[in-house]
Amino acid sequence: MERTYVIGVAGGTASGKTTIVKIIKEYFGEDIALIGHDCYYKAHDDMPFAEREKLNYDHPASFDTERMVRDVLALKAGKTIERPVYDYNVHNRAKETVTVEPKKILMLEGILILESEALRELMDLKIFVDTDADERLMRRITRDMAERGRSVESVLRQYRTTVKPMHEQFVEPSKKHADLIIPRGGKNNVAIAILKNYLKKILDGDETE
C-alpha cells in the first residue's frame, strides 16, 4: 500500500493558513486530500442556539480531536472516510458529511492541530503560519462580517474574551513543535514555492527523508 504523507498547517486565527492550503490544493488538485480541524467541532444538539453562541470555540476541548485522529489513521490505512461538516451560522455540526478518499498527501489545517500530541505524531511535516496579531484581527473582522454575518462588536467581543487568551495559552506555544514557520501567511510566495517543490518531490516519488 502506498504511504500517505501527512502535512499539518497550523497558526493563529486569520493567519493565512487557509489561503496557503487553498493555493496548494488548487496547484495539486486531486493529488492531495484535505481535512480541517474546524470540521470537527463537537456537536451540541441538546443546547439552544443562544447557549451555543457563548461557547469557547478556541479551546482544545471544543474539538472532537479523537475522531479526527481516527479519520487520519483510516486515510493513512487507505480507507475512505466521512468527514463531518460544521455550520458556523448555527454553531453546530451539520447532518451531512463529506466523503474524503485517501491520497498520497493528506493536509491537515487548524489553529490547534500542533497543540494535539496525537495529531502531531501522525504528521510528517509540521508548519506554523506566523502573522502579526493586528493583521490577523483585521482579517478576522473582515472575514466574519462578510462570510458569517457577524457585527464588528460581536467579533471584537469574541476576540477579547476567547480568541486572544486561547491563542496566547494554546496556539502560540504550539509553534515550538513546527518544522517550518511561514511568516506573513499567504503573502509569502517564496515559502509557498518551497512547499510546492517539497510536495511535488513526494508525489513524483522522490521521498527523501
N, C-alpha and C. Protein backbone atom coordinates (compact mmCIF):
# COMPACT_ATOMS: atom_id res chain seq x y z
N MET A 1 0.85 -1.20 0.00
CA MET A 1 0.00 0.00 0.00
C MET A 1 0.88 1.25 0.00
N GLU A 2 0.50 2.24 -0.79
CA GLU A 2 1.27 3.47 -0.91
C GLU A 2 1.22 4.26 0.39
N ARG A 3 2.36 4.78 0.79
CA ARG A 3 2.44 5.55 2.01
C ARG A 3 1.74 6.89 1.86
N THR A 4 1.05 7.33 2.93
CA THR A 4 0.44 8.65 2.96
C THR A 4 1.30 9.59 3.77
N TYR A 5 1.65 10.74 3.19
CA TYR A 5 2.40 11.77 3.88
C TYR A 5 1.41 12.78 4.45
N VAL A 6 1.54 13.06 5.74
CA VAL A 6 0.62 13.97 6.42
C VAL A 6 1.33 15.29 6.70
N ILE A 7 0.75 16.38 6.19
CA ILE A 7 1.30 17.72 6.35
C ILE A 7 0.33 18.53 7.22
N GLY A 8 0.81 19.04 8.34
CA GLY A 8 -0.03 19.84 9.22
C GLY A 8 0.26 21.33 9.06
N VAL A 9 -0.80 22.13 8.89
CA VAL A 9 -0.64 23.58 8.74
C VAL A 9 -1.43 24.27 9.86
N ALA A 10 -0.72 24.83 10.82
CA ALA A 10 -1.34 25.48 11.98
C ALA A 10 -1.00 26.98 11.98
N GLY A 11 -1.51 27.68 12.99
CA GLY A 11 -1.28 29.12 13.11
C GLY A 11 -2.50 29.78 13.71
N GLY A 12 -2.37 31.04 14.09
CA GLY A 12 -3.47 31.75 14.72
C GLY A 12 -4.62 32.02 13.78
N THR A 13 -5.72 32.49 14.36
CA THR A 13 -6.89 32.83 13.56
C THR A 13 -6.53 33.85 12.49
N ALA A 14 -7.01 33.63 11.27
CA ALA A 14 -6.81 34.55 10.14
C ALA A 14 -5.33 34.81 9.86
N SER A 15 -4.48 33.82 10.14
CA SER A 15 -3.05 33.99 9.90
C SER A 15 -2.68 33.76 8.43
N GLY A 16 -3.58 33.11 7.70
CA GLY A 16 -3.29 32.79 6.31
C GLY A 16 -3.17 31.30 6.05
N LYS A 17 -3.49 30.48 7.06
CA LYS A 17 -3.44 29.03 6.92
C LYS A 17 -4.28 28.55 5.75
N THR A 18 -5.54 28.96 5.76
CA THR A 18 -6.47 28.50 4.74
C THR A 18 -6.05 28.97 3.36
N THR A 19 -5.51 30.19 3.26
CA THR A 19 -5.02 30.70 1.98
C THR A 19 -3.91 29.82 1.43
N ILE A 20 -2.95 29.48 2.28
CA ILE A 20 -1.84 28.63 1.85
C ILE A 20 -2.33 27.26 1.42
N VAL A 21 -3.20 26.67 2.24
CA VAL A 21 -3.73 25.35 1.92
C VAL A 21 -4.52 25.39 0.62
N LYS A 22 -5.29 26.46 0.41
CA LYS A 22 -6.07 26.60 -0.82
C LYS A 22 -5.17 26.69 -2.04
N ILE A 23 -4.09 27.47 -1.92
CA ILE A 23 -3.13 27.60 -3.03
C ILE A 23 -2.52 26.24 -3.37
N ILE A 24 -2.13 25.49 -2.34
CA ILE A 24 -1.53 24.17 -2.54
C ILE A 24 -2.54 23.21 -3.15
N LYS A 25 -3.77 23.25 -2.64
CA LYS A 25 -4.82 22.33 -3.14
C LYS A 25 -5.14 22.63 -4.59
N GLU A 26 -5.24 23.90 -4.94
CA GLU A 26 -5.54 24.27 -6.33
C GLU A 26 -4.39 23.88 -7.26
N TYR A 27 -3.17 23.94 -6.76
CA TYR A 27 -1.99 23.62 -7.57
C TYR A 27 -1.92 22.11 -7.86
N PHE A 28 -2.18 21.31 -6.83
CA PHE A 28 -2.03 19.86 -6.99
C PHE A 28 -3.34 19.14 -7.28
N GLY A 29 -4.46 19.82 -7.08
CA GLY A 29 -5.76 19.24 -7.41
C GLY A 29 -6.07 17.98 -6.64
N GLU A 30 -6.48 16.94 -7.35
CA GLU A 30 -6.94 15.70 -6.73
C GLU A 30 -5.82 14.85 -6.17
N ASP A 31 -4.58 15.29 -6.33
CA ASP A 31 -3.45 14.52 -5.77
C ASP A 31 -3.34 14.67 -4.26
N ILE A 32 -4.07 15.64 -3.70
CA ILE A 32 -3.98 15.93 -2.27
C ILE A 32 -5.36 15.87 -1.62
N ALA A 33 -5.43 15.25 -0.44
CA ALA A 33 -6.65 15.27 0.36
C ALA A 33 -6.47 16.31 1.47
N LEU A 34 -7.57 16.90 1.90
CA LEU A 34 -7.52 17.96 2.90
C LEU A 34 -8.63 17.78 3.91
N ILE A 35 -8.28 17.89 5.19
CA ILE A 35 -9.31 17.95 6.23
C ILE A 35 -8.93 19.04 7.24
N GLY A 36 -9.91 19.83 7.63
CA GLY A 36 -9.70 20.92 8.57
C GLY A 36 -10.19 20.56 9.96
N HIS A 37 -9.47 21.01 10.96
CA HIS A 37 -9.85 20.76 12.35
C HIS A 37 -11.21 21.38 12.66
N ASP A 38 -11.51 22.53 12.03
CA ASP A 38 -12.80 23.20 12.28
C ASP A 38 -14.00 22.32 11.97
N CYS A 39 -13.83 21.38 11.05
CA CYS A 39 -14.94 20.47 10.71
C CYS A 39 -15.28 19.56 11.88
N TYR A 40 -14.36 19.44 12.82
CA TYR A 40 -14.51 18.50 13.93
C TYR A 40 -14.92 19.18 15.23
N TYR A 41 -15.51 20.38 15.14
CA TYR A 41 -16.12 20.95 16.34
C TYR A 41 -17.17 19.98 16.85
N LYS A 42 -17.26 19.86 18.16
CA LYS A 42 -18.23 18.94 18.75
C LYS A 42 -19.67 19.37 18.45
N ALA A 43 -20.55 18.39 18.31
CA ALA A 43 -21.97 18.67 18.11
C ALA A 43 -22.60 19.04 19.46
N HIS A 44 -23.54 19.98 19.42
CA HIS A 44 -24.27 20.38 20.64
C HIS A 44 -25.77 20.44 20.32
N ASP A 45 -26.31 19.31 19.89
CA ASP A 45 -27.71 19.26 19.50
C ASP A 45 -28.66 19.50 20.68
N ASP A 46 -28.19 19.23 21.88
CA ASP A 46 -29.03 19.38 23.06
C ASP A 46 -29.01 20.79 23.64
N MET A 47 -28.30 21.69 22.98
CA MET A 47 -28.11 23.04 23.52
C MET A 47 -28.77 24.07 22.61
N PRO A 48 -29.55 25.02 23.15
CA PRO A 48 -30.16 26.05 22.32
C PRO A 48 -29.11 26.97 21.70
N PHE A 49 -29.50 27.65 20.61
CA PHE A 49 -28.57 28.50 19.86
C PHE A 49 -27.91 29.54 20.75
N ALA A 50 -28.69 30.17 21.62
CA ALA A 50 -28.16 31.23 22.49
C ALA A 50 -27.02 30.71 23.36
N GLU A 51 -27.12 29.46 23.80
CA GLU A 51 -26.07 28.87 24.61
C GLU A 51 -24.87 28.46 23.76
N ARG A 52 -25.15 27.90 22.57
CA ARG A 52 -24.05 27.50 21.67
C ARG A 52 -23.21 28.71 21.27
N GLU A 53 -23.89 29.86 21.16
CA GLU A 53 -23.21 31.09 20.76
C GLU A 53 -22.17 31.53 21.79
N LYS A 54 -22.36 31.14 23.03
CA LYS A 54 -21.48 31.58 24.12
C LYS A 54 -20.30 30.64 24.35
N LEU A 55 -20.27 29.52 23.66
CA LEU A 55 -19.21 28.54 23.89
C LEU A 55 -17.84 29.06 23.46
N ASN A 56 -16.81 28.56 24.09
CA ASN A 56 -15.43 28.92 23.74
C ASN A 56 -14.95 27.99 22.63
N TYR A 57 -14.95 28.49 21.40
CA TYR A 57 -14.60 27.66 20.25
C TYR A 57 -13.09 27.66 19.96
N ASP A 58 -12.31 28.29 20.82
CA ASP A 58 -10.86 28.35 20.61
C ASP A 58 -10.10 27.51 21.64
N HIS A 59 -10.83 26.74 22.44
CA HIS A 59 -10.21 25.86 23.41
C HIS A 59 -10.10 24.45 22.82
N PRO A 60 -9.02 23.74 23.10
CA PRO A 60 -8.89 22.37 22.56
C PRO A 60 -10.07 21.46 22.86
N ALA A 61 -10.73 21.68 23.99
CA ALA A 61 -11.85 20.82 24.39
C ALA A 61 -13.07 20.99 23.49
N SER A 62 -13.11 22.05 22.67
CA SER A 62 -14.28 22.27 21.80
C SER A 62 -14.23 21.38 20.55
N PHE A 63 -13.11 20.70 20.34
CA PHE A 63 -12.95 19.86 19.15
C PHE A 63 -13.06 18.38 19.49
N ASP A 64 -13.62 17.62 18.55
CA ASP A 64 -13.62 16.16 18.66
C ASP A 64 -12.34 15.67 17.97
N THR A 65 -11.22 15.97 18.61
CA THR A 65 -9.92 15.64 18.02
C THR A 65 -9.72 14.13 17.92
N GLU A 66 -10.30 13.38 18.84
CA GLU A 66 -10.18 11.92 18.79
C GLU A 66 -10.75 11.37 17.49
N ARG A 67 -11.88 11.91 17.07
CA ARG A 67 -12.46 11.46 15.80
C ARG A 67 -11.57 11.83 14.63
N MET A 68 -10.98 13.04 14.68
CA MET A 68 -10.08 13.45 13.61
C MET A 68 -8.88 12.52 13.53
N VAL A 69 -8.33 12.16 14.69
CA VAL A 69 -7.20 11.22 14.71
C VAL A 69 -7.59 9.90 14.08
N ARG A 70 -8.78 9.39 14.43
CA ARG A 70 -9.25 8.13 13.86
C ARG A 70 -9.39 8.24 12.34
N ASP A 71 -9.90 9.40 11.87
CA ASP A 71 -10.08 9.60 10.43
C ASP A 71 -8.73 9.66 9.71
N VAL A 72 -7.75 10.34 10.33
CA VAL A 72 -6.41 10.41 9.71
C VAL A 72 -5.80 9.01 9.64
N LEU A 73 -5.93 8.25 10.72
CA LEU A 73 -5.41 6.88 10.72
C LEU A 73 -6.08 6.03 9.65
N ALA A 74 -7.39 6.23 9.47
CA ALA A 74 -8.11 5.48 8.44
C ALA A 74 -7.61 5.84 7.05
N LEU A 75 -7.42 7.12 6.79
CA LEU A 75 -6.91 7.57 5.49
C LEU A 75 -5.50 7.05 5.25
N LYS A 76 -4.68 7.04 6.30
CA LYS A 76 -3.32 6.51 6.17
C LYS A 76 -3.35 5.01 5.87
N ALA A 77 -4.41 4.35 6.32
CA ALA A 77 -4.56 2.91 6.07
C ALA A 77 -5.24 2.62 4.73
N GLY A 78 -5.49 3.69 3.97
CA GLY A 78 -6.07 3.51 2.64
C GLY A 78 -7.59 3.42 2.62
N LYS A 79 -8.24 3.84 3.70
CA LYS A 79 -9.70 3.77 3.79
C LYS A 79 -10.34 5.14 3.52
N THR A 80 -11.53 5.12 2.95
CA THR A 80 -12.31 6.34 2.72
C THR A 80 -13.04 6.71 4.01
N ILE A 81 -13.15 8.00 4.29
CA ILE A 81 -13.85 8.45 5.50
C ILE A 81 -15.03 9.36 5.14
N GLU A 82 -15.90 9.56 6.11
CA GLU A 82 -16.98 10.54 6.01
C GLU A 82 -16.65 11.66 6.99
N ARG A 83 -16.14 12.76 6.45
CA ARG A 83 -15.74 13.89 7.29
C ARG A 83 -16.96 14.69 7.73
N PRO A 84 -17.03 15.07 9.01
CA PRO A 84 -18.16 15.89 9.47
C PRO A 84 -18.13 17.28 8.85
N VAL A 85 -19.24 17.97 8.92
CA VAL A 85 -19.38 19.34 8.41
C VAL A 85 -19.88 20.21 9.56
N TYR A 86 -19.28 21.39 9.71
CA TYR A 86 -19.70 22.29 10.77
C TYR A 86 -20.35 23.52 10.17
N ASP A 87 -21.51 23.91 10.71
CA ASP A 87 -22.26 25.07 10.21
C ASP A 87 -22.05 26.24 11.17
N TYR A 88 -21.26 27.23 10.74
CA TYR A 88 -20.95 28.37 11.59
C TYR A 88 -22.17 29.24 11.87
N ASN A 89 -23.14 29.22 10.98
CA ASN A 89 -24.31 30.09 11.14
C ASN A 89 -25.18 29.65 12.32
N VAL A 90 -25.17 28.35 12.62
CA VAL A 90 -25.99 27.85 13.73
C VAL A 90 -25.13 27.34 14.88
N HIS A 91 -23.80 27.45 14.73
CA HIS A 91 -22.86 27.00 15.76
C HIS A 91 -23.12 25.54 16.14
N ASN A 92 -23.21 24.69 15.12
CA ASN A 92 -23.44 23.27 15.41
C ASN A 92 -23.02 22.43 14.21
N ARG A 93 -22.82 21.16 14.47
CA ARG A 93 -22.45 20.25 13.39
C ARG A 93 -23.66 19.99 12.50
N ALA A 94 -23.42 20.01 11.20
CA ALA A 94 -24.49 19.75 10.24
C ALA A 94 -24.79 18.26 10.16
N LYS A 95 -25.91 17.91 9.55
CA LYS A 95 -26.30 16.50 9.44
C LYS A 95 -25.52 15.79 8.35
N GLU A 96 -25.16 16.52 7.28
CA GLU A 96 -24.46 15.88 6.16
C GLU A 96 -22.98 15.68 6.48
N THR A 97 -22.33 14.83 5.70
CA THR A 97 -20.90 14.60 5.80
C THR A 97 -20.29 14.73 4.41
N VAL A 98 -18.97 14.79 4.34
CA VAL A 98 -18.26 14.88 3.06
C VAL A 98 -17.34 13.66 2.95
N THR A 99 -17.41 12.98 1.81
CA THR A 99 -16.57 11.81 1.59
C THR A 99 -15.16 12.25 1.22
N VAL A 100 -14.17 11.72 1.93
CA VAL A 100 -12.76 12.02 1.65
C VAL A 100 -12.06 10.71 1.36
N GLU A 101 -11.43 10.63 0.20
CA GLU A 101 -10.71 9.42 -0.21
C GLU A 101 -9.23 9.56 0.11
N PRO A 102 -8.56 8.45 0.39
CA PRO A 102 -7.13 8.51 0.71
C PRO A 102 -6.30 8.96 -0.49
N LYS A 103 -5.28 9.76 -0.21
CA LYS A 103 -4.36 10.25 -1.23
C LYS A 103 -2.93 10.11 -0.71
N LYS A 104 -1.97 10.28 -1.58
CA LYS A 104 -0.57 10.17 -1.15
C LYS A 104 -0.19 11.27 -0.18
N ILE A 105 -0.80 12.46 -0.36
CA ILE A 105 -0.56 13.56 0.57
C ILE A 105 -1.87 13.96 1.23
N LEU A 106 -1.86 14.04 2.55
CA LEU A 106 -3.01 14.49 3.32
C LEU A 106 -2.62 15.74 4.08
N MET A 107 -3.34 16.83 3.84
CA MET A 107 -3.07 18.08 4.55
C MET A 107 -4.10 18.28 5.65
N LEU A 108 -3.60 18.61 6.85
CA LEU A 108 -4.45 18.95 7.99
C LEU A 108 -4.28 20.43 8.27
N GLU A 109 -5.39 21.09 8.60
CA GLU A 109 -5.32 22.54 8.82
C GLU A 109 -6.16 22.92 10.02
N GLY A 110 -5.63 23.84 10.86
CA GLY A 110 -6.39 24.30 12.01
C GLY A 110 -5.51 25.02 13.01
N ILE A 111 -6.13 25.85 13.84
CA ILE A 111 -5.35 26.67 14.77
C ILE A 111 -4.66 25.82 15.85
N LEU A 112 -5.26 24.66 16.18
CA LEU A 112 -4.76 23.91 17.33
C LEU A 112 -4.21 22.53 16.98
N ILE A 113 -3.97 22.26 15.71
CA ILE A 113 -3.54 20.90 15.36
C ILE A 113 -2.13 20.57 15.89
N LEU A 114 -1.29 21.59 16.10
CA LEU A 114 0.03 21.32 16.67
C LEU A 114 -0.01 21.27 18.19
N GLU A 115 -1.14 21.68 18.77
CA GLU A 115 -1.30 21.58 20.22
C GLU A 115 -1.57 20.14 20.62
N SER A 116 -2.15 19.37 19.70
CA SER A 116 -2.51 17.97 19.98
C SER A 116 -1.33 17.04 19.71
N GLU A 117 -0.85 16.38 20.74
CA GLU A 117 0.26 15.43 20.56
C GLU A 117 -0.16 14.28 19.67
N ALA A 118 -1.40 13.83 19.81
CA ALA A 118 -1.88 12.70 19.00
C ALA A 118 -1.85 13.04 17.51
N LEU A 119 -2.24 14.27 17.15
CA LEU A 119 -2.19 14.68 15.75
C LEU A 119 -0.75 14.89 15.30
N ARG A 120 0.07 15.50 16.15
CA ARG A 120 1.47 15.75 15.78
C ARG A 120 2.19 14.46 15.42
N GLU A 121 1.89 13.41 16.16
CA GLU A 121 2.57 12.14 15.93
C GLU A 121 2.24 11.54 14.56
N LEU A 122 1.16 11.99 13.96
CA LEU A 122 0.75 11.47 12.65
C LEU A 122 1.33 12.29 11.50
N MET A 123 1.98 13.42 11.81
CA MET A 123 2.44 14.34 10.78
C MET A 123 3.88 14.07 10.36
N ASP A 124 4.14 14.18 9.06
CA ASP A 124 5.49 14.10 8.53
C ASP A 124 6.14 15.48 8.44
N LEU A 125 5.32 16.51 8.29
CA LEU A 125 5.81 17.88 8.25
C LEU A 125 4.83 18.76 8.99
N LYS A 126 5.35 19.54 9.95
CA LYS A 126 4.51 20.41 10.77
C LYS A 126 4.85 21.86 10.44
N ILE A 127 3.84 22.61 9.99
CA ILE A 127 4.02 24.00 9.56
C ILE A 127 3.22 24.93 10.48
N PHE A 128 3.83 26.06 10.85
CA PHE A 128 3.13 27.09 11.61
C PHE A 128 3.16 28.38 10.80
N VAL A 129 1.99 28.94 10.52
CA VAL A 129 1.87 30.18 9.77
C VAL A 129 1.83 31.33 10.78
N ASP A 130 2.83 32.18 10.73
CA ASP A 130 3.04 33.21 11.76
C ASP A 130 2.77 34.59 11.18
N THR A 131 1.70 35.24 11.65
CA THR A 131 1.30 36.54 11.13
C THR A 131 1.04 37.50 12.28
N ASP A 132 1.37 38.77 12.11
CA ASP A 132 1.19 39.81 13.12
C ASP A 132 -0.24 39.82 13.66
N ALA A 133 -0.36 39.99 14.98
CA ALA A 133 -1.67 39.91 15.64
C ALA A 133 -2.66 40.96 15.13
N ASP A 134 -2.20 42.19 14.90
CA ASP A 134 -3.10 43.24 14.40
C ASP A 134 -3.62 42.89 13.01
N GLU A 135 -2.75 42.35 12.18
CA GLU A 135 -3.16 41.94 10.84
C GLU A 135 -4.18 40.82 10.92
N ARG A 136 -3.97 39.86 11.82
CA ARG A 136 -4.91 38.75 11.96
C ARG A 136 -6.28 39.23 12.42
N LEU A 137 -6.28 40.18 13.36
CA LEU A 137 -7.56 40.71 13.86
C LEU A 137 -8.32 41.42 12.74
N MET A 138 -7.65 42.24 11.96
CA MET A 138 -8.31 42.94 10.85
C MET A 138 -8.89 41.95 9.84
N ARG A 139 -8.11 40.92 9.54
CA ARG A 139 -8.59 39.90 8.60
C ARG A 139 -9.81 39.17 9.16
N ARG A 140 -9.77 38.88 10.48
CA ARG A 140 -10.89 38.15 11.09
C ARG A 140 -12.17 38.98 11.07
N ILE A 141 -12.05 40.26 11.37
CA ILE A 141 -13.22 41.13 11.32
C ILE A 141 -13.82 41.13 9.92
N THR A 142 -12.97 41.32 8.92
CA THR A 142 -13.43 41.35 7.53
C THR A 142 -14.09 40.04 7.14
N ARG A 143 -13.42 38.92 7.48
CA ARG A 143 -13.94 37.59 7.12
C ARG A 143 -15.27 37.29 7.80
N ASP A 144 -15.34 37.50 9.12
CA ASP A 144 -16.54 37.12 9.85
C ASP A 144 -17.74 37.98 9.48
N MET A 145 -17.50 39.25 9.13
CA MET A 145 -18.60 40.09 8.69
C MET A 145 -19.11 39.65 7.32
N ALA A 146 -18.18 39.34 6.42
CA ALA A 146 -18.55 39.00 5.04
C ALA A 146 -19.12 37.60 4.91
N GLU A 147 -18.49 36.63 5.61
CA GLU A 147 -18.84 35.23 5.40
C GLU A 147 -19.81 34.67 6.45
N ARG A 148 -19.84 35.28 7.63
CA ARG A 148 -20.63 34.69 8.71
C ARG A 148 -21.68 35.65 9.27
N GLY A 149 -21.83 36.82 8.62
CA GLY A 149 -22.88 37.75 9.01
C GLY A 149 -22.72 38.33 10.40
N ARG A 150 -21.48 38.45 10.87
CA ARG A 150 -21.22 38.95 12.22
C ARG A 150 -21.10 40.46 12.22
N SER A 151 -21.36 41.08 13.37
CA SER A 151 -21.12 42.52 13.53
C SER A 151 -19.70 42.73 14.05
N VAL A 152 -19.18 43.95 13.85
CA VAL A 152 -17.85 44.26 14.36
C VAL A 152 -17.81 44.05 15.87
N GLU A 153 -18.87 44.47 16.56
CA GLU A 153 -18.91 44.36 18.02
C GLU A 153 -18.81 42.91 18.48
N SER A 154 -19.53 42.01 17.80
CA SER A 154 -19.52 40.60 18.22
C SER A 154 -18.17 39.95 17.94
N VAL A 155 -17.54 40.34 16.83
CA VAL A 155 -16.22 39.79 16.50
C VAL A 155 -15.20 40.23 17.55
N LEU A 156 -15.22 41.53 17.88
CA LEU A 156 -14.26 42.05 18.86
C LEU A 156 -14.51 41.47 20.25
N ARG A 157 -15.78 41.28 20.61
CA ARG A 157 -16.10 40.71 21.93
C ARG A 157 -15.55 39.29 22.03
N GLN A 158 -15.77 38.50 20.97
CA GLN A 158 -15.26 37.13 20.97
C GLN A 158 -13.74 37.11 20.99
N TYR A 159 -13.14 38.04 20.24
CA TYR A 159 -11.68 38.10 20.18
C TYR A 159 -11.09 38.38 21.56
N ARG A 160 -11.69 39.34 22.28
CA ARG A 160 -11.19 39.70 23.60
C ARG A 160 -11.38 38.59 24.62
N THR A 161 -12.55 37.95 24.58
CA THR A 161 -12.90 37.01 25.64
C THR A 161 -12.32 35.61 25.44
N THR A 162 -12.23 35.15 24.19
CA THR A 162 -11.74 33.78 23.98
C THR A 162 -10.60 33.66 22.98
N VAL A 163 -10.70 34.34 21.83
CA VAL A 163 -9.72 34.13 20.77
C VAL A 163 -8.31 34.51 21.21
N LYS A 164 -8.14 35.72 21.73
CA LYS A 164 -6.80 36.19 22.13
C LYS A 164 -6.24 35.39 23.31
N PRO A 165 -7.03 35.18 24.39
CA PRO A 165 -6.48 34.40 25.50
C PRO A 165 -6.13 32.97 25.12
N MET A 166 -6.96 32.34 24.28
CA MET A 166 -6.68 30.96 23.87
C MET A 166 -5.48 30.89 22.93
N HIS A 167 -5.31 31.94 22.12
CA HIS A 167 -4.13 32.00 21.25
C HIS A 167 -2.87 32.03 22.11
N GLU A 168 -2.89 32.86 23.14
CA GLU A 168 -1.71 33.00 23.99
C GLU A 168 -1.45 31.75 24.82
N GLN A 169 -2.53 31.06 25.21
CA GLN A 169 -2.38 29.88 26.07
C GLN A 169 -2.03 28.62 25.28
N PHE A 170 -2.63 28.46 24.09
CA PHE A 170 -2.50 27.19 23.37
C PHE A 170 -1.84 27.30 22.00
N VAL A 171 -2.27 28.29 21.19
CA VAL A 171 -1.82 28.34 19.79
C VAL A 171 -0.35 28.76 19.69
N GLU A 172 -0.03 29.90 20.27
CA GLU A 172 1.34 30.42 20.17
C GLU A 172 2.38 29.44 20.73
N PRO A 173 2.12 28.82 21.90
CA PRO A 173 3.11 27.86 22.41
C PRO A 173 3.30 26.64 21.50
N SER A 174 2.29 26.30 20.69
CA SER A 174 2.41 25.13 19.82
C SER A 174 3.39 25.36 18.67
N LYS A 175 3.78 26.61 18.48
CA LYS A 175 4.71 26.95 17.39
C LYS A 175 6.04 26.22 17.56
N LYS A 176 6.40 25.92 18.80
CA LYS A 176 7.69 25.27 19.06
C LYS A 176 7.77 23.87 18.44
N HIS A 177 6.61 23.29 18.10
CA HIS A 177 6.59 21.95 17.52
C HIS A 177 6.77 21.98 15.99
N ALA A 178 6.75 23.17 15.40
CA ALA A 178 6.78 23.27 13.93
C ALA A 178 8.15 22.93 13.37
N ASP A 179 8.14 22.27 12.23
CA ASP A 179 9.37 22.03 11.46
C ASP A 179 9.67 23.23 10.56
N LEU A 180 8.61 23.93 10.17
CA LEU A 180 8.73 25.05 9.24
C LEU A 180 7.79 26.16 9.68
N ILE A 181 8.30 27.37 9.81
CA ILE A 181 7.48 28.53 10.16
C ILE A 181 7.40 29.45 8.94
N ILE A 182 6.17 29.79 8.56
CA ILE A 182 5.96 30.66 7.39
C ILE A 182 5.45 32.01 7.87
N PRO A 183 6.28 33.05 7.84
CA PRO A 183 5.82 34.39 8.22
C PRO A 183 4.91 34.98 7.12
N ARG A 184 4.00 35.85 7.53
CA ARG A 184 3.17 36.65 6.62
C ARG A 184 2.12 35.84 5.84
N GLY A 185 1.95 34.58 6.17
CA GLY A 185 0.87 33.79 5.58
C GLY A 185 0.92 33.66 4.08
N GLY A 186 -0.25 33.83 3.45
CA GLY A 186 -0.40 33.62 2.02
C GLY A 186 0.37 34.62 1.16
N LYS A 187 0.92 35.67 1.78
CA LYS A 187 1.70 36.65 1.02
C LYS A 187 3.15 36.22 0.83
N ASN A 188 3.54 35.12 1.51
CA ASN A 188 4.93 34.68 1.44
C ASN A 188 5.09 33.71 0.26
N ASN A 189 5.27 34.29 -0.91
CA ASN A 189 5.35 33.49 -2.14
C ASN A 189 6.57 32.57 -2.18
N VAL A 190 7.66 32.99 -1.56
CA VAL A 190 8.87 32.17 -1.56
C VAL A 190 8.65 30.89 -0.76
N ALA A 191 8.08 31.03 0.44
CA ALA A 191 7.82 29.86 1.28
C ALA A 191 6.82 28.92 0.61
N ILE A 192 5.80 29.48 -0.03
CA ILE A 192 4.80 28.65 -0.72
C ILE A 192 5.45 27.89 -1.87
N ALA A 193 6.36 28.54 -2.59
CA ALA A 193 7.06 27.88 -3.70
C ALA A 193 7.92 26.72 -3.18
N ILE A 194 8.58 26.92 -2.04
CA ILE A 194 9.39 25.87 -1.44
C ILE A 194 8.50 24.69 -1.03
N LEU A 195 7.34 25.00 -0.44
CA LEU A 195 6.41 23.95 -0.03
C LEU A 195 5.88 23.17 -1.24
N LYS A 196 5.55 23.88 -2.31
CA LYS A 196 5.10 23.21 -3.54
C LYS A 196 6.17 22.25 -4.05
N ASN A 197 7.42 22.69 -4.04
CA ASN A 197 8.51 21.87 -4.53
C ASN A 197 8.69 20.62 -3.67
N TYR A 198 8.57 20.78 -2.36
CA TYR A 198 8.68 19.66 -1.43
C TYR A 198 7.59 18.62 -1.70
N LEU A 199 6.37 19.10 -1.87
CA LEU A 199 5.24 18.18 -2.10
C LEU A 199 5.34 17.53 -3.48
N LYS A 200 5.83 18.27 -4.46
CA LYS A 200 5.98 17.71 -5.81
C LYS A 200 6.97 16.55 -5.80
N LYS A 201 8.04 16.70 -5.03
CA LYS A 201 9.02 15.62 -4.93
C LYS A 201 8.39 14.36 -4.33
N ILE A 202 7.54 14.55 -3.34
CA ILE A 202 6.85 13.40 -2.73
C ILE A 202 5.95 12.72 -3.76
N LEU A 203 5.18 13.52 -4.48
CA LEU A 203 4.25 12.96 -5.47
C LEU A 203 5.00 12.30 -6.63
N ASP A 204 6.19 12.81 -6.93
CA ASP A 204 6.98 12.24 -8.01
C ASP A 204 7.77 11.01 -7.57
N GLY A 205 7.70 10.68 -6.30
CA GLY A 205 8.38 9.50 -5.82
C GLY A 205 9.76 9.74 -5.25
N ASP A 206 10.17 11.01 -5.18
CA ASP A 206 11.47 11.35 -4.62
C ASP A 206 11.29 11.60 -3.13
N GLU A 207 11.13 10.52 -2.37
CA GLU A 207 10.73 10.63 -0.98
C GLU A 207 11.92 10.64 -0.04
N THR A 208 12.74 11.68 -0.20
CA THR A 208 13.91 11.80 0.67
C THR A 208 13.47 12.26 2.05
N GLU A 209 14.03 11.62 3.04
CA GLU A 209 13.65 11.95 4.43
C GLU A 209 14.46 13.16 4.91
